[in-house]
Amino acid sequence: MSNLASTQKYLDIAEIKNDCLVLKDGSLRAVLLASSVNFALKTEEEQKAVIQAYSRFLNILKFPLQIVIHSRPFNIDPYVNELNILRQNQTNELLRNQTTDYRDFIKELIDLGEIMSRRFYVIVRYSPIGDKKRGFLSRLSDILSAAIMVKIKREKFDTYREMLFKRTDNIASGLSSMGIKTSPLDTQSLVELFYNIYNPVESKNQKLIDLEKLKIEE
């Protein structure tokens, strides 16, 4: 438990609730899962249209935006498990052997090719104290008064959250003009995302419990 507490001390996240992140400085974050666009396969006219849409998107931005690409080795364990079940239920010896060979081929292909799965996230922020650049002393004051800021944040959380998701809707609309589909992560998805990021090994073998099934002692 002591290791967990010492680790959390260095994280910027104070809590995750109502489909958004509450940071220790009192600001909020929403996370959008975004699709990708295969720019190289588009025609010249389509490429120009995407570039123009991207230019318009950048020009309407009035607040910071962060784009994160999360790459992890492709997990084929669920598919391999399905093949194992199919092999066990196969009564034809020839088909059973072919299923085994195919399963081994897929596993070797993934291992040798180092195939990665990539997900794209857009981080939208809202800060009740404004997005202006501040000096070192101002930022230091925010860190030292983190607990107070978070308490104030909880009192006006609904208002701040509404402002955050207005920004999120605008971002989703702007990305849609480029053919990029987005979906905001809910509380459960946010918890699972950070669980997988900070526990890459454990997350493969131990799945996170549904938040609704967790019992939190007051």
C-alpha atoms as a PDB file:
ATOM      1  CA  MET A   1       0.000   0.000   0.000  1.00  0.00           C
ATOM      2  CA  SER A   2       2.897   2.357   0.762  1.00  0.00           C
ATOM      3  CA  ASN A   3       4.304   1.850  -2.734  1.00  0.00           C
ATOM      4  CA  LEU A   4       0.927   2.676  -4.236  1.00  0.00           C
ATOM      5  CA  ALA A   5       0.642   5.881  -2.233  1.00  0.00           C
ATOM      6  CA  SER A   6       4.163   6.985  -3.158  1.00  0.00           C
ATOM      7  CA  THR A   7       3.456   6.372  -6.852  1.00  0.00           C
ATOM      8  CA  GLN A   8       0.182   8.271  -6.855  1.00  0.00           C
ATOM      9  CA  LYS A   9       1.940  11.243  -5.300  1.00  0.00           C
ATOM     10  CA  TYR A  10       3.767  11.825  -8.582  1.00  0.00           C
ATOM     11  CA  LEU A  11       0.679  11.570 -10.799  1.00  0.00           C
ATOM     12  CA  ASP A  12      -1.163  14.708 -11.886  1.00  0.00           C
ATOM     13  CA  ILE A  13      -4.562  13.014 -11.667  1.00  0.00           C
ATOM     14  CA  ALA A  14      -6.523  13.667  -8.481  1.00  0.00           C
ATOM     15  CA  GLU A  15      -9.548  11.567  -9.442  1.00  0.00           C
ATOM     16  CA  ILE A  16     -11.561  10.172 -12.336  1.00  0.00           C
ATOM     17  CA  LYS A  17     -15.300  10.741 -12.289  1.00  0.00           C
ATOM     18  CA  ASN A  18     -18.255  11.597 -14.502  1.00  0.00           C
ATOM     19  CA  ASP A  19     -16.345  10.699 -17.676  1.00  0.00           C
ATOM     20  CA  CYS A  20     -13.474  13.126 -17.114  1.00  0.00           C
ATOM     21  CA  LEU A  21     -10.154  13.530 -15.333  1.00  0.00           C
ATOM     22  CA  VAL A  22      -9.777  15.935 -12.426  1.00  0.00           C
ATOM     23  CA  LEU A  23      -6.179  17.088 -12.091  1.00  0.00           C
ATOM     24  CA  LYS A  24      -4.501  18.242  -8.915  1.00  0.00           C
ATOM     25  CA  ASP A  25      -4.334  21.828 -10.155  1.00  0.00           C
ATOM     26  CA  GLY A  26      -8.134  21.951 -10.417  1.00  0.00           C
ATOM     27  CA  SER A  27      -8.351  21.633 -14.198  1.00  0.00           C
ATOM     28  CA  LEU A  28     -10.333  19.007 -16.110  1.00  0.00           C
ATOM     29  CA  ARG A  29      -9.524  16.728 -19.029  1.00  0.00           C
ATOM     30  CA  ALA A  30     -11.738  14.795 -21.431  1.00  0.00           C
ATOM     31  CA  VAL A  31     -10.303  12.055 -23.637  1.00  0.00           C
ATOM     32  CA  LEU A  32     -11.549  11.322 -27.148  1.00  0.00           C
ATOM     33  CA  LEU A  33     -10.729   8.057 -28.877  1.00  0.00           C
ATOM     34  CA  ALA A  34     -10.148   8.989 -32.529  1.00  0.00           C
ATOM     35  CA  SER A  35     -10.070   6.980 -35.726  1.00  0.00           C
ATOM     36  CA  SER A  36      -7.260   7.328 -38.257  1.00  0.00           C
ATOM     37  CA  VAL A  37      -7.273   8.481 -41.878  1.00  0.00           C
ATOM     38  CA  ASN A  38      -5.205   6.754 -44.553  1.00  0.00           C
ATOM     39  CA  PHE A  39      -4.013   9.934 -46.233  1.00  0.00           C
ATOM     40  CA  ALA A  40      -1.768   8.151 -48.776  1.00  0.00           C
ATOM     41  CA  LEU A  41      -4.652   6.195 -50.317  1.00  0.00           C
ATOM     42  CA  LYS A  42      -6.763   9.292 -50.997  1.00  0.00           C
ATOM     43  CA  THR A  43      -6.873  11.070 -54.338  1.00  0.00           C
ATOM     44  CA  GLU A  44      -5.122  14.413 -54.777  1.00  0.00           C
ATOM     45  CA  GLU A  45      -8.428  16.271 -54.487  1.00  0.00           C
ATOM     46  CA  GLU A  46      -9.342  14.369 -51.330  1.00  0.00           C
ATOM     47  CA  GLN A  47      -5.925  15.091 -49.820  1.00  0.00           C
ATOM     48  CA  LYS A  48      -6.340  18.813 -50.503  1.00  0.00           C
ATOM     49  CA  ALA A  49      -9.770  18.737 -48.883  1.00  0.00           C
ATOM     50  CA  VAL A  50      -8.346  17.072 -45.765  1.00  0.00           C
ATOM     51  CA  ILE A  51      -5.520  19.622 -45.559  1.00  0.00           C
ATOM     52  CA  GLN A  52      -7.952  22.528 -45.903  1.00  0.00           C
ATOM     53  CA  ALA A  53     -10.235  21.051 -43.238  1.00  0.00           C
ATOM     54  CA  TYR A  54      -7.233  20.587 -40.935  1.00  0.00           C
ATOM     55  CA  SER A  55      -6.179  24.183 -41.519  1.00  0.00           C
ATOM     56  CA  ARG A  56      -9.655  25.445 -40.626  1.00  0.00           C
ATOM     57  CA  PHE A  57      -9.654  23.212 -37.563  1.00  0.00           C
ATOM     58  CA  LEU A  58      -6.380  24.700 -36.303  1.00  0.00           C
ATOM     59  CA  ASN A  59      -7.572  28.252 -36.916  1.00  0.00           C
ATOM     60  CA  ILE A  60     -10.664  27.849 -34.727  1.00  0.00           C
ATOM     61  CA  LEU A  61      -8.733  26.411 -31.783  1.00  0.00           C
ATOM     62  CA  LYS A  62      -8.672  28.830 -28.871  1.00  0.00           C
ATOM     63  CA  PHE A  63      -7.292  26.472 -26.226  1.00  0.00           C
ATOM     64  CA  PRO A  64      -4.474  23.901 -25.942  1.00  0.00           C
ATOM     65  CA  LEU A  65      -5.037  20.463 -27.413  1.00  0.00           C
ATOM     66  CA  GLN A  66      -2.993  17.293 -26.994  1.00  0.00           C
ATOM     67  CA  ILE A  67      -2.808  14.345 -29.389  1.00  0.00           C
ATOM     68  CA  VAL A  68      -1.490  11.064 -28.000  1.00  0.00           C
ATOM     69  CA  ILE A  69      -0.605   7.908 -29.951  1.00  0.00           C
ATOM     70  CA  HIS A  70      -0.560   4.833 -27.730  1.00  0.00           C
ATOM     71  CA  SER A  71       1.332   1.882 -29.251  1.00  0.00           C
ATOM     72  CA  ARG A  72       1.367  -1.585 -27.748  1.00  0.00           C
ATOM     73  CA  PRO A  73       2.250  -5.064 -29.051  1.00  0.00           C
ATOM     74  CA  PHE A  74      -0.774  -6.584 -30.750  1.00  0.00           C
ATOM     75  CA  ASN A  75      -2.556  -8.976 -28.400  1.00  0.00           C
ATOM     76  CA  ILE A  76      -3.755 -12.106 -30.222  1.00  0.00           C
ATOM     77  CA  ASP A  77      -4.384 -14.203 -27.100  1.00  0.00           C
ATOM     78  CA  PRO A  78      -8.204 -14.112 -27.452  1.00  0.00           C
ATOM     79  CA  TYR A  79      -7.930 -15.242 -31.083  1.00  0.00           C
ATOM     80  CA  VAL A  80      -5.450 -18.002 -30.203  1.00  0.00           C
ATOM     81  CA  ASN A  81      -7.782 -19.214 -27.457  1.00  0.00           C
ATOM     82  CA  GLU A  82     -10.615 -19.442 -29.981  1.00  0.00           C
ATOM     83  CA  LEU A  83      -8.390 -21.491 -32.291  1.00  0.00           C
ATOM     84  CA  ASN A  84      -7.481 -23.816 -29.418  1.00  0.00           C
ATOM     85  CA  ILE A  85     -11.168 -24.384 -28.659  1.00  0.00           C
ATOM     86  CA  LEU A  86     -11.861 -24.972 -32.353  1.00  0.00           C
ATOM     87  CA  ARG A  87      -9.013 -27.495 -32.489  1.00  0.00           C
ATOM     88  CA  GLN A  88     -10.257 -29.382 -29.445  1.00  0.00           C
ATOM     89  CA  ASN A  89     -13.762 -29.648 -30.886  1.00  0.00           C
ATOM     90  CA  GLN A  90     -12.546 -30.715 -34.314  1.00  0.00           C
ATOM     91  CA  THR A  91     -13.290 -34.392 -35.014  1.00  0.00           C
ATOM     92  CA  ASN A  92     -11.415 -34.537 -38.324  1.00  0.00           C
ATOM     93  CA  GLU A  93      -7.741 -35.320 -37.707  1.00  0.00           C
ATOM     94  CA  LEU A  94      -6.552 -33.527 -40.848  1.00  0.00           C
ATOM     95  CA  LEU A  95      -8.479 -30.354 -39.990  1.00  0.00           C
ATOM     96  CA  ARG A  96      -7.228 -30.541 -36.415  1.00  0.00           C
ATOM     97  CA  ASN A  97      -3.615 -30.605 -37.629  1.00  0.00           C
ATOM     98  CA  GLN A  98      -4.256 -27.766 -40.066  1.00  0.00           C
ATOM     99  CA  THR A  99      -5.766 -25.691 -37.265  1.00  0.00           C
ATOM    100  CA  THR A 100      -2.658 -26.319 -35.142  1.00  0.00           C
ATOM    101  CA  ASP A 101      -0.350 -25.282 -37.990  1.00  0.00           C
ATOM    102  CA  TYR A 102      -2.394 -22.145 -38.647  1.00  0.00           C
ATOM    103  CA  ARG A 103      -2.371 -21.205 -34.949  1.00  0.00           C
ATOM    104  CA  ASP A 104       1.417 -21.616 -34.743  1.00  0.00           C
ATOM    105  CA  PHE A 105       1.869 -19.633 -37.964  1.00  0.00           C
ATOM    106  CA  ILE A 106      -0.178 -16.711 -36.650  1.00  0.00           C
ATOM    107  CA  LYS A 107       1.728 -16.637 -33.353  1.00  0.00           C
ATOM    108  CA  GLU A 108       5.093 -16.723 -35.144  1.00  0.00           C
ATOM    109  CA  LEU A 109       3.995 -14.019 -37.594  1.00  0.00           C
ATOM    110  CA  ILE A 110       3.025 -11.664 -34.766  1.00  0.00           C
ATOM    111  CA  ASP A 111       6.221 -12.364 -32.802  1.00  0.00           C
ATOM    112  CA  LEU A 112       8.616 -11.952 -35.734  1.00  0.00           C
ATOM    113  CA  GLY A 113       6.837  -9.007 -37.302  1.00  0.00           C
ATOM    114  CA  GLU A 114       6.532  -7.115 -34.016  1.00  0.00           C
ATOM    115  CA  ILE A 115       3.065  -6.002 -35.069  1.00  0.00           C
ATOM    116  CA  MET A 116       1.799  -3.130 -32.962  1.00  0.00           C
ATOM    117  CA  SER A 117      -1.710  -1.916 -32.272  1.00  0.00           C
ATOM    118  CA  ARG A 118      -2.087   1.848 -32.199  1.00  0.00           C
ATOM    119  CA  ARG A 119      -4.812   3.963 -30.720  1.00  0.00           C
ATOM    120  CA  PHE A 120      -5.192   7.694 -31.150  1.00  0.00           C
ATOM    121  CA  TYR A 121      -6.434   9.932 -28.365  1.00  0.00           C
ATOM    122  CA  VAL A 122      -7.287  13.637 -28.322  1.00  0.00           C
ATOM    123  CA  ILE A 123      -7.027  15.295 -24.906  1.00  0.00           C
ATOM    124  CA  VAL A 124      -9.293  18.294 -24.334  1.00  0.00           C
ATOM    125  CA  ARG A 125      -8.719  20.520 -21.328  1.00  0.00           C
ATOM    126  CA  TYR A 126     -10.617  23.092 -19.331  1.00  0.00           C
ATOM    127  CA  SER A 127      -9.097  25.178 -16.568  1.00  0.00           C
ATOM    128  CA  PRO A 128     -11.329  27.367 -14.372  1.00  0.00           C
ATOM    129  CA  ILE A 129      -8.399  29.704 -13.738  1.00  0.00           C
ATOM    130  CA  GLY A 130      -7.796  30.284 -17.451  1.00  0.00           C
ATOM    131  CA  ASP A 131      -5.363  29.004 -20.036  1.00  0.00           C
ATOM    132  CA  LYS A 132      -2.968  31.936 -19.961  1.00  0.00           C
ATOM    133  CA  LYS A 133       0.733  31.314 -19.535  1.00  0.00           C
ATOM    134  CA  ARG A 134       1.869  31.752 -15.959  1.00  0.00           C
ATOM    135  CA  GLY A 135       5.234  32.169 -14.320  1.00  0.00           C
ATOM    136  CA  PHE A 136       7.125  29.752 -12.105  1.00  0.00           C
ATOM    137  CA  LEU A 137       5.829  31.180  -8.819  1.00  0.00           C
ATOM    138  CA  SER A 138       2.241  30.920 -10.016  1.00  0.00           C
ATOM    139  CA  ARG A 139       2.658  27.285 -11.040  1.00  0.00           C
ATOM    140  CA  LEU A 140       4.423  26.512  -7.762  1.00  0.00           C
ATOM    141  CA  SER A 141       1.532  28.045  -5.848  1.00  0.00           C
ATOM    142  CA  ASP A 142      -0.895  25.756  -7.712  1.00  0.00           C
ATOM    143  CA  ILE A 143       1.107  22.684  -6.723  1.00  0.00           C
ATOM    144  CA  LEU A 144       1.301  23.676  -3.064  1.00  0.00           C
ATOM    145  CA  SER A 145      -2.422  24.436  -2.908  1.00  0.00           C
ATOM    146  CA  ALA A 146      -3.500  21.378  -4.898  1.00  0.00           C
ATOM    147  CA  ALA A 147      -5.818  20.011  -2.207  1.00  0.00           C
ATOM    148  CA  ILE A 148      -7.616  23.356  -1.889  1.00  0.00           C
ATOM    149  CA  MET A 149      -7.970  23.682  -5.648  1.00  0.00           C
ATOM    150  CA  VAL A 150      -9.491  20.222  -5.976  1.00  0.00           C
ATOM    151  CA  LYS A 151     -11.957  20.991  -3.170  1.00  0.00           C
ATOM    152  CA  ILE A 152     -13.068  24.162  -4.929  1.00  0.00           C
ATOM    153  CA  LYS A 153     -13.292  22.169  -8.125  1.00  0.00           C
ATOM    154  CA  ARG A 154     -15.725  19.688  -6.592  1.00  0.00           C
ATOM    155  CA  GLU A 155     -18.047  22.501  -5.485  1.00  0.00           C
ATOM    156  CA  LYS A 156     -18.380  23.805  -9.051  1.00  0.00           C
ATOM    157  CA  PHE A 157     -17.703  20.536 -10.811  1.00  0.00           C
ATOM    158  CA  ASP A 158     -20.928  20.435 -12.845  1.00  0.00           C
ATOM    159  CA  THR A 159     -20.299  23.898 -14.310  1.00  0.00           C
ATOM    160  CA  TYR A 160     -16.700  23.141 -15.199  1.00  0.00           C
ATOM    161  CA  ARG A 161     -17.641  19.778 -16.684  1.00  0.00           C
ATOM    162  CA  GLU A 162     -20.284  21.401 -18.875  1.00  0.00           C
ATOM    163  CA  MET A 163     -17.716  23.863 -20.223  1.00  0.00           C
ATOM    164  CA  LEU A 164     -15.268  21.028 -20.852  1.00  0.00           C
ATOM    165  CA  PHE A 165     -17.694  18.969 -22.895  1.00  0.00           C
ATOM    166  CA  LYS A 166     -18.769  21.994 -24.925  1.00  0.00           C
ATOM    167  CA  ARG A 167     -15.155  22.170 -26.016  1.00  0.00           C
ATOM    168  CA  THR A 168     -15.162  18.420 -26.597  1.00  0.00           C
ATOM    169  CA  ASP A 169     -18.196  18.675 -28.887  1.00  0.00           C
ATOM    170  CA  ASN A 170     -16.486  21.428 -30.903  1.00  0.00           C
ATOM    171  CA  ILE A 171     -13.350  19.318 -31.285  1.00  0.00           C
ATOM    172  CA  ALA A 172     -15.361  16.275 -32.357  1.00  0.00           C
ATOM    173  CA  SER A 173     -17.175  18.385 -34.961  1.00  0.00           C
ATOM    174  CA  GLY A 174     -13.904  19.792 -36.321  1.00  0.00           C
ATOM    175  CA  LEU A 175     -12.304  16.352 -36.590  1.00  0.00           C
ATOM    176  CA  SER A 176     -15.420  14.999 -38.274  1.00  0.00           C
ATOM    177  CA  SER A 177     -14.884  17.448 -41.141  1.00  0.00           C
ATOM    178  CA  MET A 178     -11.629  15.589 -41.857  1.00  0.00           C
ATOM    179  CA  GLY A 179     -13.299  12.192 -41.807  1.00  0.00           C
ATOM    180  CA  ILE A 180     -12.049  11.389 -38.301  1.00  0.00           C
ATOM    181  CA  LYS A 181     -14.615   9.736 -36.043  1.00  0.00           C
ATOM    182  CA  THR A 182     -14.329  10.279 -32.297  1.00  0.00           C
ATOM    183  CA  SER A 183     -15.853   8.797 -29.182  1.00  0.00           C
ATOM    184  CA  PRO A 184     -15.424  10.236 -25.662  1.00  0.00           C
ATOM    185  CA  LEU A 185     -14.162   7.778 -23.064  1.00  0.00           C
ATOM    186  CA  ASP A 186     -16.484   7.212 -20.118  1.00  0.00           C
ATOM    187  CA  THR A 187     -15.302   6.732 -16.526  1.00  0.00           C
ATOM    188  CA  GLN A 188     -14.809   2.983 -16.859  1.00  0.00           C
ATOM    189  CA  SER A 189     -12.832   3.386 -20.095  1.00  0.00           C
ATOM    190  CA  LEU A 190     -10.624   6.092 -18.566  1.00  0.00           C
ATOM    191  CA  VAL A 191      -9.803   3.923 -15.562  1.00  0.00           C
ATOM    192  CA  GLU A 192      -9.004   0.965 -17.824  1.00  0.00           C
ATOM    193  CA  LEU A 193      -6.840   3.161 -20.076  1.00  0.00           C
ATOM    194  CA  PHE A 194      -4.595   4.348 -17.261  1.00  0.00           C
ATOM    195  CA  TYR A 195      -4.593   0.903 -15.647  1.00  0.00           C
ATOM    196  CA  ASN A 196      -3.259  -0.570 -18.891  1.00  0.00           C
ATOM    197  CA  ILE A 197      -0.708   2.224 -19.344  1.00  0.00           C
ATOM    198  CA  TYR A 198       0.782   1.992 -15.853  1.00  0.00           C
ATOM    199  CA  ASN A 199       0.394  -1.793 -15.548  1.00  0.00           C
ATOM    200  CA  PRO A 200       1.263  -3.165 -19.012  1.00  0.00           C
ATOM    201  CA  VAL A 201       2.212  -6.633 -17.746  1.00  0.00           C
ATOM    202  CA  GLU A 202      -0.490  -7.118 -15.115  1.00  0.00           C
ATOM    203  CA  SER A 203      -3.243  -5.868 -17.438  1.00  0.00           C
ATOM    204  CA  LYS A 204      -2.660  -8.819 -19.772  1.00  0.00           C
ATOM    205  CA  ASN A 205      -3.384 -11.403 -17.091  1.00  0.00           C
ATOM    206  CA  GLN A 206      -5.607  -9.512 -14.645  1.00  0.00           C
ATOM    207  CA  LYS A 207      -8.498  -7.560 -16.079  1.00  0.00           C
ATOM    208  CA  LEU A 208      -9.903  -4.580 -14.221  1.00  0.00           C
ATOM    209  CA  ILE A 209     -13.171  -5.102 -12.345  1.00  0.00           C
ATOM    210  CA  ASP A 210     -16.213  -3.170 -13.528  1.00  0.00           C
ATOM    211  CA  LEU A 211     -16.523   0.009 -11.468  1.00  0.00           C
ATOM    212  CA  GLU A 212     -20.128  -0.777 -10.635  1.00  0.00           C
ATOM    213  CA  LYS A 213     -18.977  -3.965  -8.897  1.00  0.00           C
ATOM    214  CA  LEU A 214     -16.348  -2.230  -6.787  1.00  0.00           C
ATOM    215  CA  LYS A 215     -17.207  -1.551  -3.166  1.00  0.00           C
ATOM    216  CA  ILE A 216     -15.517   1.561  -1.821  1.00  0.00           C
ATOM    217  CA  GLU A 217     -15.372   2.012   1.905  1.00  0.00           C
ATOM    218  CA  GLU A 218     -16.156   5.523   3.045  1.00  0.00           C
END
